[in-house]
PDB file of N, CA and C in Angstrom:
ATOM      1  N   MET A   1       0.816  -1.219  -0.012  1.00  0.00           N
ATOM      2  CA  MET A   1      -0.003   0.016   0.002  1.00  0.00           C
ATOM      3  C   MET A   1       0.852   1.263  -0.010  1.00  0.00           C
ATOM      4  N   LYS A   2       2.000   1.211   0.615  1.00  0.00           N
ATOM      5  CA  LYS A   2       2.963   2.338   0.761  1.00  0.00           C
ATOM      6  C   LYS A   2       3.277   2.883  -0.685  1.00  0.00           C
ATOM      7  N   HIS A   3       3.465   2.002  -1.559  1.00  0.00           N
ATOM      8  CA  HIS A   3       3.951   2.364  -2.956  1.00  0.00           C
ATOM      9  C   HIS A   3       2.914   3.222  -3.709  1.00  0.00           C
ATOM     10  N   ILE A   4       1.676   3.197  -3.308  1.00  0.00           N
ATOM     11  CA  ILE A   4       0.674   3.992  -4.098  1.00  0.00           C
ATOM     12  C   ILE A   4       0.174   5.195  -3.293  1.00  0.00           C
ATOM     13  N   LEU A   5       0.669   5.377  -2.075  1.00  0.00           N
ATOM     14  CA  LEU A   5       0.258   6.480  -1.255  1.00  0.00           C
ATOM     15  C   LEU A   5       0.702   7.790  -1.874  1.00  0.00           C
ATOM     16  N   SER A   6       1.878   7.916  -2.335  1.00  0.00           N
ATOM     17  CA  SER A   6       2.376   9.260  -2.938  1.00  0.00           C
ATOM     18  C   SER A   6       1.533   9.644  -4.157  1.00  0.00           C
ATOM     19  N   PRO A   7       1.364   8.675  -5.140  1.00  0.00           N
ATOM     20  CA  PRO A   7       0.584   9.123  -6.274  1.00  0.00           C
ATOM     21  C   PRO A   7      -0.840   9.461  -5.959  1.00  0.00           C
ATOM     22  N   ILE A   8      -1.410   8.768  -4.998  1.00  0.00           N
ATOM     23  CA  ILE A   8      -2.840   9.015  -4.662  1.00  0.00           C
ATOM     24  C   ILE A   8      -2.871  10.432  -3.982  1.00  0.00           C
ATOM     25  N   ILE A   9      -1.939  10.756  -3.134  1.00  0.00           N
ATOM     26  CA  ILE A   9      -1.846  12.126  -2.606  1.00  0.00           C
ATOM     27  C   ILE A   9      -1.693  13.123  -3.733  1.00  0.00           C
ATOM     28  N   GLY A  10      -0.804  12.792  -4.644  1.00  0.00           N
ATOM     29  CA  GLY A  10      -0.552  13.670  -5.807  1.00  0.00           C
ATOM     30  C   GLY A  10      -1.820  13.919  -6.554  1.00  0.00           C
ATOM     31  N   ILE A  11      -2.585  12.949  -6.831  1.00  0.00           N
ATOM     32  CA  ILE A  11      -3.863  13.119  -7.590  1.00  0.00           C
ATOM     33  C   ILE A  11      -4.800  13.958  -6.830  1.00  0.00           C
ATOM     34  N   ALA A  12      -4.903  13.742  -5.543  1.00  0.00           N
ATOM     35  CA  ALA A  12      -5.824  14.483  -4.617  1.00  0.00           C
ATOM     36  C   ALA A  12      -5.450  15.959  -4.589  1.00  0.00           C
ATOM     37  N   VAL A  13      -4.140  16.268  -4.763  1.00  0.00           N
ATOM     38  CA  VAL A  13      -3.738  17.683  -4.741  1.00  0.00           C
ATOM     39  C   VAL A  13      -3.803  18.255  -6.147  1.00  0.00           C
ATOM     40  N   LEU A  14      -3.379  17.539  -7.144  1.00  0.00           N
ATOM     41  CA  LEU A  14      -3.305  18.049  -8.451  1.00  0.00           C
ATOM     42  C   LEU A  14      -4.705  18.306  -9.108  1.00  0.00           C
ATOM     43  N   ILE A  15      -5.632  17.513  -8.941  1.00  0.00           N
ATOM     44  CA  ILE A  15      -6.970  17.776  -9.529  1.00  0.00           C
ATOM     45  C   ILE A  15      -7.557  19.111  -9.075  1.00  0.00           C
ATOM     46  N   PRO A  16      -7.599  19.383  -7.770  1.00  0.00           N
ATOM     47  CA  PRO A  16      -8.119  20.742  -7.430  1.00  0.00           C
ATOM     48  C   PRO A  16      -7.240  21.874  -7.908  1.00  0.00           C
ATOM     49  N   LEU A  17      -5.961  21.691  -7.909  1.00  0.00           N
ATOM     50  CA  LEU A  17      -5.022  22.793  -8.392  1.00  0.00           C
ATOM     51  C   LEU A  17      -5.335  22.985  -9.908  1.00  0.00           C
ATOM     52  N   GLY A  18      -5.437  21.871 -10.589  1.00  0.00           N
ATOM     53  CA  GLY A  18      -5.762  22.056 -12.064  1.00  0.00           C
ATOM     54  C   GLY A  18      -7.006  22.736 -12.356  1.00  0.00           C
ATOM     55  N   LEU A  19      -8.168  22.444 -11.561  1.00  0.00           N
ATOM     56  CA  LEU A  19      -9.427  23.023 -11.755  1.00  0.00           C
ATOM     57  C   LEU A  19      -9.301  24.558 -11.365  1.00  0.00           C
ATOM     58  N   LEU A  20      -8.527  24.826 -10.214  1.00  0.00           N
ATOM     59  CA  LEU A  20      -8.362  26.190  -9.788  1.00  0.00           C
ATOM     60  C   LEU A  20      -7.611  27.001 -10.813  1.00  0.00           C
ATOM     61  N   SER A  21      -6.576  26.351 -11.497  1.00  0.00           N
ATOM     62  CA  SER A  21      -5.772  27.129 -12.459  1.00  0.00           C
ATOM     63  C   SER A  21      -6.666  27.535 -13.627  1.00  0.00           C
ATOM     64  N   ARG A  22      -7.739  26.900 -13.979  1.00  0.00           N
ATOM     65  CA  ARG A  22      -8.671  27.242 -15.031  1.00  0.00           C
ATOM     66  C   ARG A  22      -9.535  28.443 -14.592  1.00  0.00           C
ATOM     67  N   GLN A  23      -9.685  28.704 -13.327  1.00  0.00           N
ATOM     68  CA  GLN A  23     -10.608  29.735 -12.847  1.00  0.00           C
ATOM     69  C   GLN A  23      -9.883  31.151 -12.550  1.00  0.00           C
ATOM     70  N   VAL A  24      -8.604  31.037 -12.454  1.00  0.00           N
ATOM     71  CA  VAL A  24      -7.833  32.203 -12.191  1.00  0.00           C
ATOM     72  C   VAL A  24      -7.238  32.793 -13.460  1.00  0.00           C
ATOM     73  N   ASN A  25      -7.635  33.992 -13.822  1.00  0.00           N
ATOM     74  CA  ASN A  25      -7.330  34.577 -15.103  1.00  0.00           C
ATOM     75  C   ASN A  25      -5.943  34.729 -15.344  1.00  0.00           C
ATOM     76  N   TRP A  26      -5.122  35.121 -14.307  1.00  0.00           N
ATOM     77  CA  TRP A  26      -3.701  35.488 -14.510  1.00  0.00           C
ATOM     78  C   TRP A  26      -2.795  34.212 -14.604  1.00  0.00           C
ATOM     79  N   ILE A  27      -3.345  33.076 -14.316  1.00  0.00           N
ATOM     80  CA  ILE A  27      -2.553  31.814 -14.480  1.00  0.00           C
ATOM     81  C   ILE A  27      -2.691  31.373 -15.916  1.00  0.00           C
ATOM     82  N   PRO A  28      -1.536  31.186 -16.592  1.00  0.00           N
ATOM     83  CA  PRO A  28      -1.539  30.677 -17.973  1.00  0.00           C
ATOM     84  C   PRO A  28      -2.241  29.379 -18.152  1.00  0.00           C
ATOM     85  N   ALA A  29      -3.003  29.179 -19.175  1.00  0.00           N
ATOM     86  CA  ALA A  29      -3.759  27.937 -19.394  1.00  0.00           C
ATOM     87  C   ALA A  29      -2.851  26.718 -19.478  1.00  0.00           C
ATOM     88  N   GLU A  30      -1.604  26.975 -19.973  1.00  0.00           N
ATOM     89  CA  GLU A  30      -0.660  25.908 -20.012  1.00  0.00           C
ATOM     90  C   GLU A  30      -0.390  25.284 -18.627  1.00  0.00           C
ATOM     91  N   THR A  31      -0.529  26.098 -17.599  1.00  0.00           N
ATOM     92  CA  THR A  31      -0.299  25.567 -16.190  1.00  0.00           C
ATOM     93  C   THR A  31      -1.268  24.433 -15.956  1.00  0.00           C
ATOM     94  N   GLY A  32      -2.475  24.614 -16.310  1.00  0.00           N
ATOM     95  CA  GLY A  32      -3.533  23.492 -16.098  1.00  0.00           C
ATOM     96  C   GLY A  32      -3.057  22.191 -16.896  1.00  0.00           C
ATOM     97  N   ASP A  33      -2.491  22.458 -18.128  1.00  0.00           N
ATOM     98  CA  ASP A  33      -2.083  21.327 -18.943  1.00  0.00           C
ATOM     99  C   ASP A  33      -0.889  20.518 -18.320  1.00  0.00           C
ATOM    100  N   ALA A  34       0.044  21.321 -17.757  1.00  0.00           N
ATOM    101  CA  ALA A  34       1.179  20.710 -17.054  1.00  0.00           C
ATOM    102  C   ALA A  34       0.590  19.978 -15.809  1.00  0.00           C
ATOM    103  N   LEU A  35      -0.247  20.459 -15.021  1.00  0.00           N
ATOM    104  CA  LEU A  35      -0.934  19.841 -13.917  1.00  0.00           C
ATOM    105  C   LEU A  35      -1.585  18.583 -14.344  1.00  0.00           C
ATOM    106  N   TRP A  36      -2.311  18.645 -15.421  1.00  0.00           N
ATOM    107  CA  TRP A  36      -3.010  17.455 -15.898  1.00  0.00           C
ATOM    108  C   TRP A  36      -2.049  16.344 -16.223  1.00  0.00           C
ATOM    109  N   ALA A  37      -0.926  16.706 -16.931  1.00  0.00           N
ATOM    110  CA  ALA A  37       0.146  15.627 -17.271  1.00  0.00           C
ATOM    111  C   ALA A  37       0.717  15.091 -15.983  1.00  0.00           C
ATOM    112  N   MET A  38       0.837  15.953 -15.013  1.00  0.00           N
ATOM    113  CA  MET A  38       1.417  15.442 -13.750  1.00  0.00           C
ATOM    114  C   MET A  38       0.417  14.396 -13.071  1.00  0.00           C
ATOM    115  N   MET A  39      -0.899  14.683 -13.201  1.00  0.00           N
ATOM    116  CA  MET A  39      -1.886  13.760 -12.662  1.00  0.00           C
ATOM    117  C   MET A  39      -1.884  12.477 -13.435  1.00  0.00           C
ATOM    118  N   VAL A  40      -1.701  12.591 -14.787  1.00  0.00           N
ATOM    119  CA  VAL A  40      -1.586  11.308 -15.596  1.00  0.00           C
ATOM    120  C   VAL A  40      -0.380  10.566 -15.080  1.00  0.00           C
ATOM    121  N   PHE A  41       0.748  11.158 -14.826  1.00  0.00           N
ATOM    122  CA  PHE A  41       1.915  10.369 -14.274  1.00  0.00           C
ATOM    123  C   PHE A  41       1.500   9.721 -13.091  1.00  0.00           C
ATOM    124  N   CYS A  42       0.821  10.396 -12.049  1.00  0.00           N
ATOM    125  CA  CYS A  42       0.403   9.757 -10.911  1.00  0.00           C
ATOM    126  C   CYS A  42      -0.510   8.538 -11.121  1.00  0.00           C
ATOM    127  N   LEU A  43      -1.409   8.599 -12.107  1.00  0.00           N
ATOM    128  CA  LEU A  43      -2.306   7.491 -12.411  1.00  0.00           C
ATOM    129  C   LEU A  43      -1.410   6.368 -12.892  1.00  0.00           C
ATOM    130  N   TRP A  44      -0.536   6.625 -13.837  1.00  0.00           N
ATOM    131  CA  TRP A  44       0.316   5.562 -14.360  1.00  0.00           C
ATOM    132  C   TRP A  44       1.257   4.949 -13.252  1.00  0.00           C
ATOM    133  N   ARG A  45       1.675   5.789 -12.346  1.00  0.00           N
ATOM    134  CA  ARG A  45       2.571   5.319 -11.236  1.00  0.00           C
ATOM    135  C   ARG A  45       1.789   4.305 -10.319  1.00  0.00           C
ATOM    136  N   ILE A  46       0.465   4.540 -10.138  1.00  0.00           N
ATOM    137  CA  ILE A  46      -0.353   3.608  -9.403  1.00  0.00           C
ATOM    138  C   ILE A  46      -0.401   2.275 -10.194  1.00  0.00           C
ATOM    139  N   ILE A  47      -0.618   2.343 -11.446  1.00  0.00           N
ATOM    140  CA  ILE A  47      -0.824   1.124 -12.240  1.00  0.00           C
ATOM    141  C   ILE A  47       0.576   0.340 -12.436  1.00  0.00           C
ATOM    142  N   LEU A  48       1.636   1.184 -12.648  1.00  0.00           N
ATOM    143  CA  LEU A  48       2.956   0.546 -12.953  1.00  0.00           C
ATOM    144  C   LEU A  48       3.922   0.778 -11.759  1.00  0.00           C
ATOM    145  N   PHE A  49       3.431   0.457 -10.540  1.00  0.00           N
ATOM    146  CA  PHE A  49       4.218   0.752  -9.374  1.00  0.00           C
ATOM    147  C   PHE A  49       5.504  -0.083  -9.243  1.00  0.00           C
ATOM    148  N   ARG A  50       5.618  -1.075  -9.998  1.00  0.00           N
ATOM    149  CA  ARG A  50       6.850  -1.908 -10.024  1.00  0.00           C
ATOM    150  C   ARG A  50       7.821  -1.474 -11.144  1.00  0.00           C
ATOM    151  N   CYS A  51       7.435  -0.603 -11.916  1.00  0.00           N
ATOM    152  CA  CYS A  51       8.322  -0.113 -13.007  1.00  0.00           C
ATOM    153  C   CYS A  51       9.110   1.080 -12.604  1.00  0.00           C
ATOM    154  N   ARG A  52      10.256   1.220 -13.317  1.00  0.00           N
ATOM    155  CA  ARG A  52      11.123   2.368 -13.086  1.00  0.00           C
ATOM    156  C   ARG A  52      10.335   3.691 -13.334  1.00  0.00           C
ATOM    157  N   LEU A  53      10.769   4.715 -12.604  1.00  0.00           N
ATOM    158  CA  LEU A  53      10.079   5.994 -12.778  1.00  0.00           C
ATOM    159  C   LEU A  53      10.262   6.493 -14.254  1.00  0.00           C
ATOM    160  N   SER A  54      11.329   6.220 -14.818  1.00  0.00           N
ATOM    161  CA  SER A  54      11.621   6.698 -16.145  1.00  0.00           C
ATOM    162  C   SER A  54      10.587   6.114 -17.158  1.00  0.00           C
ATOM    163  N   THR A  55      10.244   4.773 -16.978  1.00  0.00           N
ATOM    164  CA  THR A  55       9.247   4.098 -17.695  1.00  0.00           C
ATOM    165  C   THR A  55       7.941   4.796 -17.590  1.00  0.00           C
ATOM    166  N   VAL A  56       7.545   5.116 -16.331  1.00  0.00           N
ATOM    167  CA  VAL A  56       6.249   5.745 -16.049  1.00  0.00           C
ATOM    168  C   VAL A  56       6.267   7.078 -16.736  1.00  0.00           C
ATOM    169  N   ALA A  57       7.382   7.812 -16.788  1.00  0.00           N
ATOM    170  CA  ALA A  57       7.403   9.064 -17.335  1.00  0.00           C
ATOM    171  C   ALA A  57       7.253   9.080 -18.810  1.00  0.00           C
ATOM    172  N   VAL A  58       7.856   8.044 -19.493  1.00  0.00           N
ATOM    173  CA  VAL A  58       7.825   7.916 -20.978  1.00  0.00           C
ATOM    174  C   VAL A  58       6.322   7.582 -21.355  1.00  0.00           C
ATOM    175  N   ILE A  59       5.719   6.592 -20.601  1.00  0.00           N
ATOM    176  CA  ILE A  59       4.383   6.181 -20.795  1.00  0.00           C
ATOM    177  C   ILE A  59       3.360   7.377 -20.595  1.00  0.00           C
ATOM    178  N   SER A  60       3.667   8.106 -19.572  1.00  0.00           N
ATOM    179  CA  SER A  60       2.751   9.277 -19.292  1.00  0.00           C
ATOM    180  C   SER A  60       2.852  10.331 -20.419  1.00  0.00           C
ATOM    181  N   LEU A  61       4.049  10.545 -20.799  1.00  0.00           N
ATOM    182  CA  LEU A  61       4.185  11.452 -21.900  1.00  0.00           C
ATOM    183  C   LEU A  61       3.564  11.078 -23.211  1.00  0.00           C
ATOM    184  N   ALA A  62       3.743   9.849 -23.486  1.00  0.00           N
ATOM    185  CA  ALA A  62       3.067   9.247 -24.686  1.00  0.00           C
ATOM    186  C   ALA A  62       1.521   9.340 -24.522  1.00  0.00           C
ATOM    187  N   HIS A  63       1.048   9.041 -23.421  1.00  0.00           N
ATOM    188  CA  HIS A  63      -0.469   9.152 -23.079  1.00  0.00           C
ATOM    189  C   HIS A  63      -0.871  10.560 -23.370  1.00  0.00           C
ATOM    190  N   SER A  64      -0.177  11.590 -22.738  1.00  0.00           N
ATOM    191  CA  SER A  64      -0.483  12.977 -22.885  1.00  0.00           C
ATOM    192  C   SER A  64      -0.453  13.367 -24.369  1.00  0.00           C
ATOM    193  N   PHE A  65       0.608  13.034 -25.035  1.00  0.00           N
ATOM    194  CA  PHE A  65       0.707  13.402 -26.421  1.00  0.00           C
ATOM    195  C   PHE A  65      -0.401  12.765 -27.300  1.00  0.00           C
ATOM    196  N   LEU A  66      -0.735  11.503 -27.027  1.00  0.00           N
ATOM    197  CA  LEU A  66      -1.831  10.871 -27.764  1.00  0.00           C
ATOM    198  C   LEU A  66      -3.186  11.529 -27.609  1.00  0.00           C
ATOM    199  N   VAL A  67      -3.467  11.947 -26.262  1.00  0.00           N
ATOM    200  CA  VAL A  67      -4.673  12.649 -26.003  1.00  0.00           C
ATOM    201  C   VAL A  67      -4.697  14.019 -26.783  1.00  0.00           C
ATOM    202  N   GLU A  68      -3.603  14.723 -26.747  1.00  0.00           N
ATOM    203  CA  GLU A  68      -3.517  16.031 -27.492  1.00  0.00           C
ATOM    204  C   GLU A  68      -3.675  15.816 -28.953  1.00  0.00           C
ATOM    205  N   PHE A  69      -3.021  14.955 -29.490  1.00  0.00           N
ATOM    206  CA  PHE A  69      -3.146  14.664 -30.983  1.00  0.00           C
ATOM    207  C   PHE A  69      -4.564  14.200 -31.354  1.00  0.00           C
ATOM    208  N   SER A  70      -5.207  13.491 -30.400  1.00  0.00           N
ATOM    209  CA  SER A  70      -6.573  13.045 -30.617  1.00  0.00           C
ATOM    210  C   SER A  70      -7.589  14.316 -30.770  1.00  0.00           C
ATOM    211  N   GLN A  71      -7.104  15.351 -30.282  1.00  0.00           N
ATOM    212  CA  GLN A  71      -8.006  16.543 -30.420  1.00  0.00           C
ATOM    213  C   GLN A  71      -8.174  17.046 -31.856  1.00  0.00           C
ATOM    214  N   MET A  72      -7.357  16.506 -32.735  1.00  0.00           N
ATOM    215  CA  MET A  72      -7.474  16.833 -34.138  1.00  0.00           C
ATOM    216  C   MET A  72      -8.565  15.990 -34.814  1.00  0.00           C
ATOM    217  N   LEU A  73      -9.062  14.890 -34.113  1.00  0.00           N
ATOM    218  CA  LEU A  73     -10.095  14.007 -34.615  1.00  0.00           C
ATOM    219  C   LEU A  73     -11.452  14.774 -34.429  1.00  0.00           C
ATOM    220  N   THR A  74     -12.275  14.700 -35.425  1.00  0.00           N
ATOM    221  CA  THR A  74     -13.547  15.356 -35.347  1.00  0.00           C
ATOM    222  C   THR A  74     -14.730  14.384 -35.499  1.00  0.00           C
ATOM    223  N   TRP A  75     -14.547  13.196 -34.996  1.00  0.00           N
ATOM    224  CA  TRP A  75     -15.670  12.260 -35.054  1.00  0.00           C
ATOM    225  C   TRP A  75     -16.796  12.806 -34.218  1.00  0.00           C
ATOM    226  N   PRO A  76     -18.014  12.721 -34.733  1.00  0.00           N
ATOM    227  CA  PRO A  76     -19.204  13.329 -33.978  1.00  0.00           C
ATOM    228  C   PRO A  76     -19.285  12.869 -32.591  1.00  0.00           C
ATOM    229  N   TRP A  77     -19.183  11.535 -32.284  1.00  0.00           N
ATOM    230  CA  TRP A  77     -19.312  11.017 -30.988  1.00  0.00           C
ATOM    231  C   TRP A  77     -18.139  11.548 -30.026  1.00  0.00           C
ATOM    232  N   LEU A  78     -17.011  11.728 -30.692  1.00  0.00           N
ATOM    233  CA  LEU A  78     -15.878  12.256 -29.785  1.00  0.00           C
ATOM    234  C   LEU A  78     -16.056  13.707 -29.527  1.00  0.00           C
ATOM    235  N   VAL A  79     -16.445  14.461 -30.439  1.00  0.00           N
ATOM    236  CA  VAL A  79     -16.711  15.867 -30.280  1.00  0.00           C
ATOM    237  C   VAL A  79     -17.855  16.064 -29.292  1.00  0.00           C
ATOM    238  N   SER A  80     -18.859  15.234 -29.342  1.00  0.00           N
ATOM    239  CA  SER A  80     -19.963  15.247 -28.328  1.00  0.00           C
ATOM    240  C   SER A  80     -19.505  14.923 -26.932  1.00  0.00           C
ATOM    241  N   PHE A  81     -18.618  13.981 -26.854  1.00  0.00           N
ATOM    242  CA  PHE A  81     -18.105  13.542 -25.466  1.00  0.00           C
ATOM    243  C   PHE A  81     -17.186  14.670 -24.965  1.00  0.00           C
ATOM    244  N   ARG A  82     -16.370  15.315 -25.817  1.00  0.00           N
ATOM    245  CA  ARG A  82     -15.553  16.382 -25.284  1.00  0.00           C
ATOM    246  C   ARG A  82     -16.327  17.641 -24.909  1.00  0.00           C
ATOM    247  N   SER A  83     -17.612  17.725 -25.430  1.00  0.00           N
ATOM    248  CA  SER A  83     -18.393  18.900 -24.995  1.00  0.00           C
ATOM    249  C   SER A  83     -18.986  18.787 -23.576  1.00  0.00           C
ATOM    250  N   THR A  84     -18.856  17.559 -22.962  1.00  0.00           N
ATOM    251  CA  THR A  84     -19.299  17.383 -21.557  1.00  0.00           C
ATOM    252  C   THR A  84     -18.120  17.813 -20.670  1.00  0.00           C
ATOM    253  N   PHE A  85     -18.466  18.029 -19.380  1.00  0.00           N
ATOM    254  CA  PHE A  85     -17.402  18.458 -18.466  1.00  0.00           C
ATOM    255  C   PHE A  85     -16.389  17.324 -18.296  1.00  0.00           C
ATOM    256  N   ILE A  86     -16.793  16.138 -18.095  1.00  0.00           N
ATOM    257  CA  ILE A  86     -15.836  15.012 -17.926  1.00  0.00           C
ATOM    258  C   ILE A  86     -14.981  14.763 -19.200  1.00  0.00           C
ATOM    259  N   GLY A  87     -15.662  14.867 -20.310  1.00  0.00           N
ATOM    260  CA  GLY A  87     -14.972  14.674 -21.598  1.00  0.00           C
ATOM    261  C   GLY A  87     -13.924  15.743 -21.804  1.00  0.00           C
ATOM    262  N   HIS A  88     -14.245  16.985 -21.436  1.00  0.00           N
ATOM    263  CA  HIS A  88     -13.324  18.123 -21.636  1.00  0.00           C
ATOM    264  C   HIS A  88     -12.212  17.923 -20.661  1.00  0.00           C
ATOM    265  N   MET A  89     -12.443  17.523 -19.444  1.00  0.00           N
ATOM    266  CA  MET A  89     -11.327  17.356 -18.451  1.00  0.00           C
ATOM    267  C   MET A  89     -10.415  16.189 -18.800  1.00  0.00           C
ATOM    268  N   MET A  90     -10.985  15.213 -19.406  1.00  0.00           N
ATOM    269  CA  MET A  90     -10.227  13.932 -19.811  1.00  0.00           C
ATOM    270  C   MET A  90      -9.404  14.195 -21.126  1.00  0.00           C
ATOM    271  N   LEU A  91     -10.131  14.770 -22.036  1.00  0.00           N
ATOM    272  CA  LEU A  91      -9.574  14.703 -23.491  1.00  0.00           C
ATOM    273  C   LEU A  91      -9.259  16.106 -23.971  1.00  0.00           C
ATOM    274  N   GLY A  92      -9.696  17.189 -23.252  1.00  0.00           N
ATOM    275  CA  GLY A  92      -9.533  18.561 -23.700  1.00  0.00           C
ATOM    276  C   GLY A  92     -10.186  18.938 -24.937  1.00  0.00           C
ATOM    277  N   GLN A  93      -9.916  20.080 -25.525  1.00  0.00           N
ATOM    278  CA  GLN A  93     -10.521  20.486 -26.766  1.00  0.00           C
ATOM    279  C   GLN A  93      -9.475  21.339 -27.556  1.00  0.00           C
ATOM    280  N   GLY A  94      -9.353  21.051 -28.786  1.00  0.00           N
ATOM    281  CA  GLY A  94      -8.490  21.886 -29.652  1.00  0.00           C
ATOM    282  C   GLY A  94      -7.013  21.690 -29.480  1.00  0.00           C
ATOM    283  N   PHE A  95      -6.429  21.192 -30.508  1.00  0.00           N
ATOM    284  CA  PHE A  95      -5.008  20.827 -30.448  1.00  0.00           C
ATOM    285  C   PHE A  95      -4.208  22.193 -30.407  1.00  0.00           C
ATOM    286  N   LEU A  96      -3.140  22.176 -29.535  1.00  0.00           N
ATOM    287  CA  LEU A  96      -2.244  23.283 -29.463  1.00  0.00           C
ATOM    288  C   LEU A  96      -0.871  22.682 -29.323  1.00  0.00           C
ATOM    289  N   TRP A  97       0.054  23.136 -30.059  1.00  0.00           N
ATOM    290  CA  TRP A  97       1.471  22.716 -29.961  1.00  0.00           C
ATOM    291  C   TRP A  97       2.034  23.027 -28.610  1.00  0.00           C
ATOM    292  N   ILE A  98       1.720  24.170 -28.050  1.00  0.00           N
ATOM    293  CA  ILE A  98       2.271  24.663 -26.795  1.00  0.00           C
ATOM    294  C   ILE A  98       1.864  23.629 -25.613  1.00  0.00           C
ATOM    295  N   ASP A  99       0.745  23.026 -25.748  1.00  0.00           N
ATOM    296  CA  ASP A  99       0.321  22.016 -24.774  1.00  0.00           C
ATOM    297  C   ASP A  99       1.335  20.861 -24.614  1.00  0.00           C
ATOM    298  N   LEU A 100       1.955  20.480 -25.745  1.00  0.00           N
ATOM    299  CA  LEU A 100       2.966  19.389 -25.701  1.00  0.00           C
ATOM    300  C   LEU A 100       4.136  19.787 -24.808  1.00  0.00           C
ATOM    301  N   LEU A 101       4.522  21.039 -24.905  1.00  0.00           N
ATOM    302  CA  LEU A 101       5.714  21.586 -24.092  1.00  0.00           C
ATOM    303  C   LEU A 101       5.166  21.546 -22.617  1.00  0.00           C
ATOM    304  N   ALA A 102       3.954  22.014 -22.405  1.00  0.00           N
ATOM    305  CA  ALA A 102       3.397  21.942 -20.988  1.00  0.00           C
ATOM    306  C   ALA A 102       3.399  20.571 -20.385  1.00  0.00           C
ATOM    307  N   TYR A 103       3.058  19.570 -21.227  1.00  0.00           N
ATOM    308  CA  TYR A 103       3.203  18.154 -20.792  1.00  0.00           C
ATOM    309  C   TYR A 103       4.579  17.748 -20.400  1.00  0.00           C
ATOM    310  N   VAL A 104       5.517  18.134 -21.242  1.00  0.00           N
ATOM    311  CA  VAL A 104       6.902  17.833 -21.017  1.00  0.00           C
ATOM    312  C   VAL A 104       7.360  18.386 -19.689  1.00  0.00           C
ATOM    313  N   ILE A 105       7.090  19.668 -19.511  1.00  0.00           N
ATOM    314  CA  ILE A 105       7.442  20.341 -18.271  1.00  0.00           C
ATOM    315  C   ILE A 105       6.761  19.783 -17.103  1.00  0.00           C
ATOM    316  N   GLY A 106       5.512  19.480 -17.177  1.00  0.00           N
ATOM    317  CA  GLY A 106       4.736  18.859 -16.019  1.00  0.00           C
ATOM    318  C   GLY A 106       5.294  17.495 -15.598  1.00  0.00           C
ATOM    319  N   ILE A 107       5.560  16.638 -16.639  1.00  0.00           N
ATOM    320  CA  ILE A 107       6.009  15.345 -16.373  1.00  0.00           C
ATOM    321  C   ILE A 107       7.443  15.342 -15.856  1.00  0.00           C
ATOM    322  N   ALA A 108       8.214  16.278 -16.407  1.00  0.00           N
ATOM    323  CA  ALA A 108       9.648  16.387 -15.834  1.00  0.00           C
ATOM    324  C   ALA A 108       9.606  16.831 -14.400  1.00  0.00           C
ATOM    325  N   CYS A 109       8.712  17.748 -14.007  1.00  0.00           N
ATOM    326  CA  CYS A 109       8.569  18.218 -12.625  1.00  0.00           C
ATOM    327  C   CYS A 109       8.192  17.035 -11.675  1.00  0.00           C
ATOM    328  N   ILE A 110       7.205  16.369 -12.116  1.00  0.00           N
ATOM    329  CA  ILE A 110       6.630  15.378 -11.227  1.00  0.00           C
ATOM    330  C   ILE A 110       7.642  14.155 -11.168  1.00  0.00           C
ATOM    331  N   TYR A 111       8.324  13.863 -12.179  1.00  0.00           N
ATOM    332  CA  TYR A 111       9.289  12.883 -12.246  1.00  0.00           C
ATOM    333  C   TYR A 111      10.423  13.194 -11.213  1.00  0.00           C
ATOM    334  N   ILE A 112      10.834  14.450 -11.202  1.00  0.00           N
ATOM    335  CA  ILE A 112      11.848  14.796 -10.182  1.00  0.00           C
ATOM    336  C   ILE A 112      11.318  14.726  -8.819  1.00  0.00           C
ATOM    337  N   ILE A 113      10.038  15.161  -8.577  1.00  0.00           N
ATOM    338  CA  ILE A 113       9.455  15.092  -7.263  1.00  0.00           C
ATOM    339  C   ILE A 113       9.405  13.621  -6.788  1.00  0.00           C
ATOM    340  N   PHE A 114       9.055  12.771  -7.689  1.00  0.00           N
ATOM    341  CA  PHE A 114       8.935  11.347  -7.259  1.00  0.00           C
ATOM    342  C   PHE A 114      10.263  10.720  -7.119  1.00  0.00           C
ATOM    343  N   LEU A 115      11.295  11.177  -7.816  1.00  0.00           N
ATOM    344  CA  LEU A 115      12.693  10.711  -7.547  1.00  0.00           C
ATOM    345  C   LEU A 115      13.045  10.997  -6.154  1.00  0.00           C
ATOM    346  N   VAL A 116      12.879  12.210  -5.710  1.00  0.00           N
ATOM    347  CA  VAL A 116      13.177  12.636  -4.325  1.00  0.00           C
ATOM    348  C   VAL A 116      12.337  11.836  -3.307  1.00  0.00           C
ATOM    349  N   ILE A 117      11.036  11.796  -3.535  1.00  0.00           N
ATOM    350  CA  ILE A 117      10.115  11.023  -2.626  1.00  0.00           C
ATOM    351  C   ILE A 117      10.541   9.592  -2.491  1.00  0.00           C
ATOM    352  N   GLU A 118      10.723   8.849  -3.581  1.00  0.00           N
ATOM    353  CA  GLU A 118      11.013   7.521  -3.650  1.00  0.00           C
ATOM    354  C   GLU A 118      12.365   7.195  -3.042  1.00  0.00           C
ATOM    355  N   HIS A 119      13.293   8.124  -3.352  1.00  0.00           N
ATOM    356  CA  HIS A 119      14.725   7.969  -2.790  1.00  0.00           C
ATOM    357  C   HIS A 119      14.680   8.064  -1.322  1.00  0.00           C
ATOM    358  N   ARG A 120      13.857   9.020  -0.827  1.00  0.00           N
ATOM    359  CA  ARG A 120      13.827   9.201   0.691  1.00  0.00           C
ATOM    360  C   ARG A 120      13.139   8.047   1.397  1.00  0.00           C
ATOM    361  N   THR A 121      12.089   7.520   0.657  1.00  0.00           N
ATOM    362  CA  THR A 121      11.319   6.445   1.417  1.00  0.00           C
ATOM    363  C   THR A 121      11.907   5.096   1.114  1.00  0.00           C
ATOM    364  N   HIS A 122      12.684   4.882   0.095  1.00  0.00           N
ATOM    365  CA  HIS A 122      13.289   3.609  -0.259  1.00  0.00           C
ATOM    366  C   HIS A 122      14.788   3.810  -0.648  1.00  0.00           C
ATOM    367  N   PRO A 123      15.631   4.309   0.228  1.00  0.00           N
ATOM    368  CA  PRO A 123      17.047   4.568  -0.150  1.00  0.00           C
ATOM    369  C   PRO A 123      17.741   3.176  -0.511  1.00  0.00           C
ATOM    370  N   ASP A 124      18.588   3.268  -1.524  1.00  0.00           N
ATOM    371  CA  ASP A 124      19.291   2.078  -1.869  1.00  0.00           C
ATOM    372  C   ASP A 124      20.621   1.889  -1.100  1.00  0.00           C
TER     373      ASP A 124
END
């Protein structure tokens, strides 16, 4: 159970921060994208708790990029799902190249945070 406590806490903190970042006008929209990617990392860390952090980071980045590129798809059912609150939070709307950079920055930050956390809780 210890191995999933940090990512669960991460998700519990990141979701409200991400939602808040969309409500505050002076916070760049890309901040929410970085926080979303950090949350994706935490989800993958729960699933892949036995894998190296670098593997989790690569999978999280690929996941984030795939979601962003999927925003170019205009299938009616997908557009309809994205128009819902949950669909918008999960899949976003409208492809932006800058979001890819936000994902890289967010995952790099959470990767470093988890390196520190896991090194302190499980030193070699």
